[in-house]
PDB file of N, CA and C in Angstrom:
ATOM      1  N   MET A   1     -17.609  -3.145   7.120  1.00  0.00           N
ATOM      2  CA  MET A   1     -16.320  -3.221   7.786  1.00  0.00           C
ATOM      3  C   MET A   1     -16.537  -3.763   9.197  1.00  0.00           C
ATOM      4  N   PRO A   2     -15.679  -4.691   9.633  1.00  0.00           N
ATOM      5  CA  PRO A   2     -15.806  -5.219  10.996  1.00  0.00           C
ATOM      6  C   PRO A   2     -15.657  -4.115  12.038  1.00  0.00           C
ATOM      7  N   LYS A   3     -16.325  -4.294  13.166  1.00  0.00           N
ATOM      8  CA  LYS A   3     -16.207  -3.321  14.255  1.00  0.00           C
ATOM      9  C   LYS A   3     -14.929  -3.530  15.053  1.00  0.00           C
ATOM     10  N   ALA A   4     -14.358  -4.736  14.959  1.00  0.00           N
ATOM     11  CA  ALA A   4     -13.130  -5.034  15.701  1.00  0.00           C
ATOM     12  C   ALA A   4     -12.409  -6.198  15.033  1.00  0.00           C
ATOM     13  N   TYR A   5     -11.128  -6.293  15.354  1.00  0.00           N
ATOM     14  CA  TYR A   5     -10.292  -7.389  14.860  1.00  0.00           C
ATOM     15  C   TYR A   5      -9.493  -7.959  16.026  1.00  0.00           C
ATOM     16  N   ARG A   6      -9.115  -9.230  15.887  1.00  0.00           N
ATOM     17  CA  ARG A   6      -8.173  -9.849  16.818  1.00  0.00           C
ATOM     18  C   ARG A   6      -6.866 -10.043  16.055  1.00  0.00           C
ATOM     19  N   MET A   7      -5.761  -9.684  16.691  1.00  0.00           N
ATOM     20  CA  MET A   7      -4.453  -9.868  16.073  1.00  0.00           C
ATOM     21  C   MET A   7      -4.135 -11.362  16.010  1.00  0.00           C
ATOM     22  N   LYS A   8      -3.784 -11.861  14.820  1.00  0.00           N
ATOM     23  CA  LYS A   8      -3.450 -13.275  14.650  1.00  0.00           C
ATOM     24  C   LYS A   8      -1.979 -13.561  14.939  1.00  0.00           C
ATOM     25  N   GLU A   9      -1.175 -12.523  14.978  1.00  0.00           N
ATOM     26  CA  GLU A   9       0.243 -12.656  15.319  1.00  0.00           C
ATOM     27  C   GLU A   9       0.747 -11.312  15.825  1.00  0.00           C
ATOM     28  N   ASP A  10       1.910 -11.316  16.434  1.00  0.00           N
ATOM     29  CA  ASP A  10       2.495 -10.067  16.927  1.00  0.00           C
ATOM     30  C   ASP A  10       2.794  -9.126  15.767  1.00  0.00           C
ATOM     31  N   ARG A  11       2.554  -7.841  15.975  1.00  0.00           N
ATOM     32  CA  ARG A  11       2.955  -6.808  15.014  1.00  0.00           C
ATOM     33  C   ARG A  11       4.248  -6.211  15.544  1.00  0.00           C
ATOM     34  N   VAL A  12       5.337  -6.478  14.848  1.00  0.00           N
ATOM     35  CA  VAL A  12       6.657  -6.014  15.258  1.00  0.00           C
ATOM     36  C   VAL A  12       7.174  -5.033  14.214  1.00  0.00           C
ATOM     37  N   VAL A  13       7.616  -3.866  14.679  1.00  0.00           N
ATOM     38  CA  VAL A  13       8.173  -2.837  13.795  1.00  0.00           C
ATOM     39  C   VAL A  13       9.545  -2.459  14.334  1.00  0.00           C
ATOM     40  N   GLN A  14      10.557  -2.653  13.528  1.00  0.00           N
ATOM     41  CA  GLN A  14      11.946  -2.353  13.896  1.00  0.00           C
ATOM     42  C   GLN A  14      12.307  -2.932  15.266  1.00  0.00           C
ATOM     43  N   GLY A  15      11.914  -4.183  15.485  1.00  0.00           N
ATOM     44  CA  GLY A  15      12.255  -4.884  16.714  1.00  0.00           C
ATOM     45  C   GLY A  15      11.366  -4.584  17.908  1.00  0.00           C
ATOM     46  N   GLU A  16      10.406  -3.676  17.758  1.00  0.00           N
ATOM     47  CA  GLU A  16       9.503  -3.305  18.856  1.00  0.00           C
ATOM     48  C   GLU A  16       8.120  -3.902  18.613  1.00  0.00           C
ATOM     49  N   VAL A  17       7.561  -4.563  19.631  1.00  0.00           N
ATOM     50  CA  VAL A  17       6.224  -5.144  19.512  1.00  0.00           C
ATOM     51  C   VAL A  17       5.192  -4.042  19.711  1.00  0.00           C
ATOM     52  N   TRP A  18       4.389  -3.809  18.679  1.00  0.00           N
ATOM     53  CA  TRP A  18       3.341  -2.784  18.754  1.00  0.00           C
ATOM     54  C   TRP A  18       2.007  -3.371  19.181  1.00  0.00           C
ATOM     55  N   ALA A  19       1.755  -4.645  18.837  1.00  0.00           N
ATOM     56  CA  ALA A  19       0.509  -5.313  19.223  1.00  0.00           C
ATOM     57  C   ALA A  19       0.795  -6.802  19.345  1.00  0.00           C
ATOM     58  N   ARG A  20       0.313  -7.397  20.409  1.00  0.00           N
ATOM     59  CA  ARG A  20       0.539  -8.815  20.681  1.00  0.00           C
ATOM     60  C   ARG A  20      -0.558  -9.683  20.060  1.00  0.00           C
ATOM     61  N   THR A  21      -0.206 -10.924  19.786  1.00  0.00           N
ATOM     62  CA  THR A  21      -1.183 -11.908  19.328  1.00  0.00           C
ATOM     63  C   THR A  21      -2.349 -11.941  20.313  1.00  0.00           C
ATOM     64  N   GLY A  22      -3.571 -11.911  19.779  1.00  0.00           N
ATOM     65  CA  GLY A  22      -4.768 -11.945  20.617  1.00  0.00           C
ATOM     66  C   GLY A  22      -5.295 -10.580  21.011  1.00  0.00           C
ATOM     67  N   ALA A  23      -4.513  -9.521  20.800  1.00  0.00           N
ATOM     68  CA  ALA A  23      -4.972  -8.167  21.141  1.00  0.00           C
ATOM     69  C   ALA A  23      -6.165  -7.790  20.262  1.00  0.00           C
ATOM     70  N   ILE A  24      -7.089  -7.039  20.830  1.00  0.00           N
ATOM     71  CA  ILE A  24      -8.243  -6.538  20.081  1.00  0.00           C
ATOM     72  C   ILE A  24      -7.914  -5.132  19.599  1.00  0.00           C
ATOM     73  N   VAL A  25      -8.099  -4.906  18.300  1.00  0.00           N
ATOM     74  CA  VAL A  25      -7.864  -3.597  17.701  1.00  0.00           C
ATOM     75  C   VAL A  25      -9.103  -3.203  16.900  1.00  0.00           C
ATOM     76  N   TYR A  26      -9.205  -1.913  16.600  1.00  0.00           N
ATOM     77  CA  TYR A  26     -10.388  -1.362  15.956  1.00  0.00           C
ATOM     78  C   TYR A  26      -9.986  -0.537  14.739  1.00  0.00           C
ATOM     79  N   PRO A  27     -10.850  -0.495  13.713  1.00  0.00           N
ATOM     80  CA  PRO A  27     -10.544   0.347  12.557  1.00  0.00           C
ATOM     81  C   PRO A  27     -10.456   1.812  12.982  1.00  0.00           C
ATOM     82  N   ILE A  28      -9.532   2.529  12.402  1.00  0.00           N
ATOM     83  CA  ILE A  28      -9.405   3.960  12.694  1.00  0.00           C
ATOM     84  C   ILE A  28     -10.604   4.678  12.069  1.00  0.00           C
ATOM     85  N   ARG A  29     -11.195   5.616  12.774  1.00  0.00           N
ATOM     86  CA  ARG A  29     -12.386   6.295  12.250  1.00  0.00           C
ATOM     87  C   ARG A  29     -12.043   7.553  11.470  1.00  0.00           C
ATOM     88  N   GLY A  30     -10.841   8.076  11.662  1.00  0.00           N
ATOM     89  CA  GLY A  30     -10.439   9.299  10.965  1.00  0.00           C
ATOM     90  C   GLY A  30      -9.463   8.993   9.854  1.00  0.00           C
ATOM     91  N   TRP A  31      -8.814  10.024   9.391  1.00  0.00           N
ATOM     92  CA  TRP A  31      -7.816   9.883   8.343  1.00  0.00           C
ATOM     93  C   TRP A  31      -6.570   9.194   8.879  1.00  0.00           C
ATOM     94  N   ASP A  32      -5.976   8.364   8.023  1.00  0.00           N
ATOM     95  CA  ASP A  32      -4.676   7.795   8.392  1.00  0.00           C
ATOM     96  C   ASP A  32      -3.567   8.466   7.583  1.00  0.00           C
ATOM     97  N   TYR A  33      -3.948   9.498   6.854  1.00  0.00           N
ATOM     98  CA  TYR A  33      -3.000  10.322   6.087  1.00  0.00           C
ATOM     99  C   TYR A  33      -2.185   9.495   5.099  1.00  0.00           C
ATOM    100  N   GLY A  34      -2.812   8.438   4.572  1.00  0.00           N
ATOM    101  CA  GLY A  34      -2.190   7.631   3.534  1.00  0.00           C
ATOM    102  C   GLY A  34      -1.207   6.588   4.022  1.00  0.00           C
ATOM    103  N   LEU A  35      -1.109   6.398   5.334  1.00  0.00           N
ATOM    104  CA  LEU A  35      -0.109   5.464   5.861  1.00  0.00           C
ATOM    105  C   LEU A  35      -0.355   4.021   5.427  1.00  0.00           C
ATOM    106  N   ALA A  36      -1.603   3.548   5.515  1.00  0.00           N
ATOM    107  CA  ALA A  36      -1.888   2.168   5.102  1.00  0.00           C
ATOM    108  C   ALA A  36      -1.648   2.004   3.608  1.00  0.00           C
ATOM    109  N   SER A  37      -2.025   3.000   2.843  1.00  0.00           N
ATOM    110  CA  SER A  37      -1.792   2.971   1.395  1.00  0.00           C
ATOM    111  C   SER A  37      -0.303   2.937   1.081  1.00  0.00           C
ATOM    112  N   ASP A  38       0.463   3.768   1.772  1.00  0.00           N
ATOM    113  CA  ASP A  38       1.921   3.791   1.565  1.00  0.00           C
ATOM    114  C   ASP A  38       2.544   2.441   1.916  1.00  0.00           C
ATOM    115  N   ASP A  39       2.165   1.887   3.068  1.00  0.00           N
ATOM    116  CA  ASP A  39       2.732   0.602   3.485  1.00  0.00           C
ATOM    117  C   ASP A  39       2.346  -0.508   2.506  1.00  0.00           C
ATOM    118  N   THR A  40       1.112  -0.464   2.004  1.00  0.00           N
ATOM    119  CA  THR A  40       0.663  -1.442   1.012  1.00  0.00           C
ATOM    120  C   THR A  40       1.487  -1.327  -0.263  1.00  0.00           C
ATOM    121  N   ARG A  41       1.644  -0.118  -0.731  1.00  0.00           N
ATOM    122  CA  ARG A  41       2.383   0.127  -1.972  1.00  0.00           C
ATOM    123  C   ARG A  41       3.855  -0.277  -1.837  1.00  0.00           C
ATOM    124  N   HIS A  42       4.476   0.067  -0.730  1.00  0.00           N
ATOM    125  CA  HIS A  42       5.902  -0.204  -0.553  1.00  0.00           C
ATOM    126  C   HIS A  42       6.204  -1.674  -0.266  1.00  0.00           C
ATOM    127  N   SER A  43       5.275  -2.373   0.393  1.00  0.00           N
ATOM    128  CA  SER A  43       5.532  -3.770   0.761  1.00  0.00           C
ATOM    129  C   SER A  43       4.904  -4.772  -0.204  1.00  0.00           C
ATOM    130  N   GLY A  44       3.883  -4.316  -0.954  1.00  0.00           N
ATOM    131  CA  GLY A  44       3.151  -5.236  -1.818  1.00  0.00           C
ATOM    132  C   GLY A  44       2.154  -6.097  -1.057  1.00  0.00           C
ATOM    133  N   VAL A  45       1.937  -5.767   0.225  1.00  0.00           N
ATOM    134  CA  VAL A  45       1.017  -6.501   1.098  1.00  0.00           C
ATOM    135  C   VAL A  45      -0.026  -5.516   1.614  1.00  0.00           C
ATOM    136  N   GLU A  46      -1.318  -5.872   1.498  1.00  0.00           N
ATOM    137  CA  GLU A  46      -2.375  -4.961   1.960  1.00  0.00           C
ATOM    138  C   GLU A  46      -2.240  -4.674   3.454  1.00  0.00           C
ATOM    139  N   HIS A  47      -2.319  -3.386   3.812  1.00  0.00           N
ATOM    140  CA  HIS A  47      -2.280  -2.939   5.204  1.00  0.00           C
ATOM    141  C   HIS A  47      -3.575  -2.212   5.555  1.00  0.00           C
ATOM    142  N   LYS A  48      -3.922  -2.219   6.832  1.00  0.00           N
ATOM    143  CA  LYS A  48      -5.057  -1.461   7.367  1.00  0.00           C
ATOM    144  C   LYS A  48      -4.568  -0.649   8.555  1.00  0.00           C
ATOM    145  N   SER A  49      -5.208   0.489   8.772  1.00  0.00           N
ATOM    146  CA  SER A  49      -4.894   1.317   9.937  1.00  0.00           C
ATOM    147  C   SER A  49      -5.849   0.966  11.066  1.00  0.00           C
ATOM    148  N   VAL A  50      -5.284   0.702  12.241  1.00  0.00           N
ATOM    149  CA  VAL A  50      -6.078   0.299  13.403  1.00  0.00           C
ATOM    150  C   VAL A  50      -5.618   1.063  14.643  1.00  0.00           C
ATOM    151  N   THR A  51      -6.422   0.939  15.692  1.00  0.00           N
ATOM    152  CA  THR A  51      -6.127   1.568  16.974  1.00  0.00           C
ATOM    153  C   THR A  51      -6.549   0.619  18.095  1.00  0.00           C
ATOM    154  N   PHE A  52      -6.041   0.853  19.291  1.00  0.00           N
ATOM    155  CA  PHE A  52      -6.485   0.085  20.451  1.00  0.00           C
ATOM    156  C   PHE A  52      -7.760   0.673  21.053  1.00  0.00           C
ATOM    157  N   LYS A  53      -8.160   1.846  20.617  1.00  0.00           N
ATOM    158  CA  LYS A  53      -9.321   2.526  21.196  1.00  0.00           C
ATOM    159  C   LYS A  53     -10.614   2.085  20.511  1.00  0.00           C
ATOM    160  N   ALA A  54     -11.584   1.628  21.298  1.00  0.00           N
ATOM    161  CA  ALA A  54     -12.847   1.116  20.766  1.00  0.00           C
ATOM    162  C   ALA A  54     -13.628   2.166  19.987  1.00  0.00           C
ATOM    163  N   ASP A  55     -13.395   3.449  20.279  1.00  0.00           N
ATOM    164  CA  ASP A  55     -14.109   4.500  19.547  1.00  0.00           C
ATOM    165  C   ASP A  55     -13.418   4.858  18.230  1.00  0.00           C
ATOM    166  N   GLY A  56     -12.305   4.176  17.908  1.00  0.00           N
ATOM    167  CA  GLY A  56     -11.609   4.395  16.646  1.00  0.00           C
ATOM    168  C   GLY A  56     -10.724   5.618  16.606  1.00  0.00           C
ATOM    169  N   ASP A  57     -10.472   6.228  17.764  1.00  0.00           N
ATOM    170  CA  ASP A  57      -9.688   7.464  17.821  1.00  0.00           C
ATOM    171  C   ASP A  57      -8.189   7.160  17.766  1.00  0.00           C
ATOM    172  N   TYR A  58      -7.417   8.197  17.511  1.00  0.00           N
ATOM    173  CA  TYR A  58      -5.955   8.103  17.460  1.00  0.00           C
ATOM    174  C   TYR A  58      -5.397   7.828  18.860  1.00  0.00           C
ATOM    175  N   PRO A  59      -4.179   7.328  18.967  1.00  0.00           N
ATOM    176  CA  PRO A  59      -3.208   7.057  17.908  1.00  0.00           C
ATOM    177  C   PRO A  59      -3.531   5.757  17.176  1.00  0.00           C
ATOM    178  N   SER A  60      -2.988   5.651  15.969  1.00  0.00           N
ATOM    179  CA  SER A  60      -3.210   4.464  15.153  1.00  0.00           C
ATOM    180  C   SER A  60      -1.876   3.930  14.638  1.00  0.00           C
ATOM    181  N   PHE A  61      -1.941   2.745  14.072  1.00  0.00           N
ATOM    182  CA  PHE A  61      -0.764   2.144  13.445  1.00  0.00           C
ATOM    183  C   PHE A  61      -1.254   1.237  12.324  1.00  0.00           C
ATOM    184  N   THR A  62      -0.372   0.886  11.408  1.00  0.00           N
ATOM    185  CA  THR A  62      -0.766   0.025  10.301  1.00  0.00           C
ATOM    186  C   THR A  62      -0.393  -1.420  10.598  1.00  0.00           C
ATOM    187  N   VAL A  63      -1.201  -2.314  10.034  1.00  0.00           N
ATOM    188  CA  VAL A  63      -1.026  -3.748  10.232  1.00  0.00           C
ATOM    189  C   VAL A  63      -1.298  -4.446   8.899  1.00  0.00           C
ATOM    190  N   PRO A  64      -0.472  -5.420   8.511  1.00  0.00           N
ATOM    191  CA  PRO A  64      -0.823  -6.214   7.336  1.00  0.00           C
ATOM    192  C   PRO A  64      -2.194  -6.865   7.555  1.00  0.00           C
ATOM    193  N   ALA A  65      -3.065  -6.773   6.567  1.00  0.00           N
ATOM    194  CA  ALA A  65      -4.433  -7.283   6.701  1.00  0.00           C
ATOM    195  C   ALA A  65      -4.460  -8.765   7.067  1.00  0.00           C
ATOM    196  N   ARG A  66      -3.465  -9.534   6.631  1.00  0.00           N
ATOM    197  CA  ARG A  66      -3.431 -10.971   6.930  1.00  0.00           C
ATOM    198  C   ARG A  66      -3.280 -11.247   8.425  1.00  0.00           C
ATOM    199  N   MET A  67      -2.848 -10.249   9.199  1.00  0.00           N
ATOM    200  CA  MET A  67      -2.676 -10.408  10.648  1.00  0.00           C
ATOM    201  C   MET A  67      -3.964 -10.142  11.421  1.00  0.00           C
ATOM    202  N   LEU A  68      -5.029  -9.735  10.724  1.00  0.00           N
ATOM    203  CA  LEU A  68      -6.267  -9.336  11.388  1.00  0.00           C
ATOM    204  C   LEU A  68      -7.367 -10.374  11.190  1.00  0.00           C
ATOM    205  N   GLU A  69      -7.951 -10.823  12.290  1.00  0.00           N
ATOM    206  CA  GLU A  69      -9.105 -11.717  12.250  1.00  0.00           C
ATOM    207  C   GLU A  69     -10.347 -10.885  12.572  1.00  0.00           C
ATOM    208  N   PRO A  70     -11.261 -10.705  11.597  1.00  0.00           N
ATOM    209  CA  PRO A  70     -12.471  -9.924  11.877  1.00  0.00           C
ATOM    210  C   PRO A  70     -13.312 -10.605  12.960  1.00  0.00           C
ATOM    211  N   LEU A  71     -13.834  -9.820  13.879  1.00  0.00           N
ATOM    212  CA  LEU A  71     -14.706 -10.336  14.929  1.00  0.00           C
ATOM    213  C   LEU A  71     -16.146 -10.033  14.573  1.00  0.00           C
ATOM    214  N   SER A  72     -17.032 -10.974  14.854  1.00  0.00           N
ATOM    215  CA  SER A  72     -18.446 -10.753  14.570  1.00  0.00           C
ATOM    216  C   SER A  72     -19.052  -9.866  15.643  1.00  0.00           C
ATOM    217  N   ASP A  73     -20.198  -9.292  15.321  1.00  0.00           N
ATOM    218  CA  ASP A  73     -20.868  -8.362  16.248  1.00  0.00           C
ATOM    219  C   ASP A  73     -21.258  -9.015  17.534  1.00  0.00           C
TER     220      ASP A  73
END
């Protein structure tokens, strides 16, 4: 799993921008309580749970996987 991702486009939820294009986000290290799975199932588009914190700690949010560009080490 990549250690970090760059957002390829803005993540907008109900008209609110949660993450801007170019923002660096990190995989969540703990449980996401099924949120990415739920969003994937309901939308038909794979989602991942990410955070702005480099240590992978909460809070987190879900993002369609197509919006994430994996960054190399």
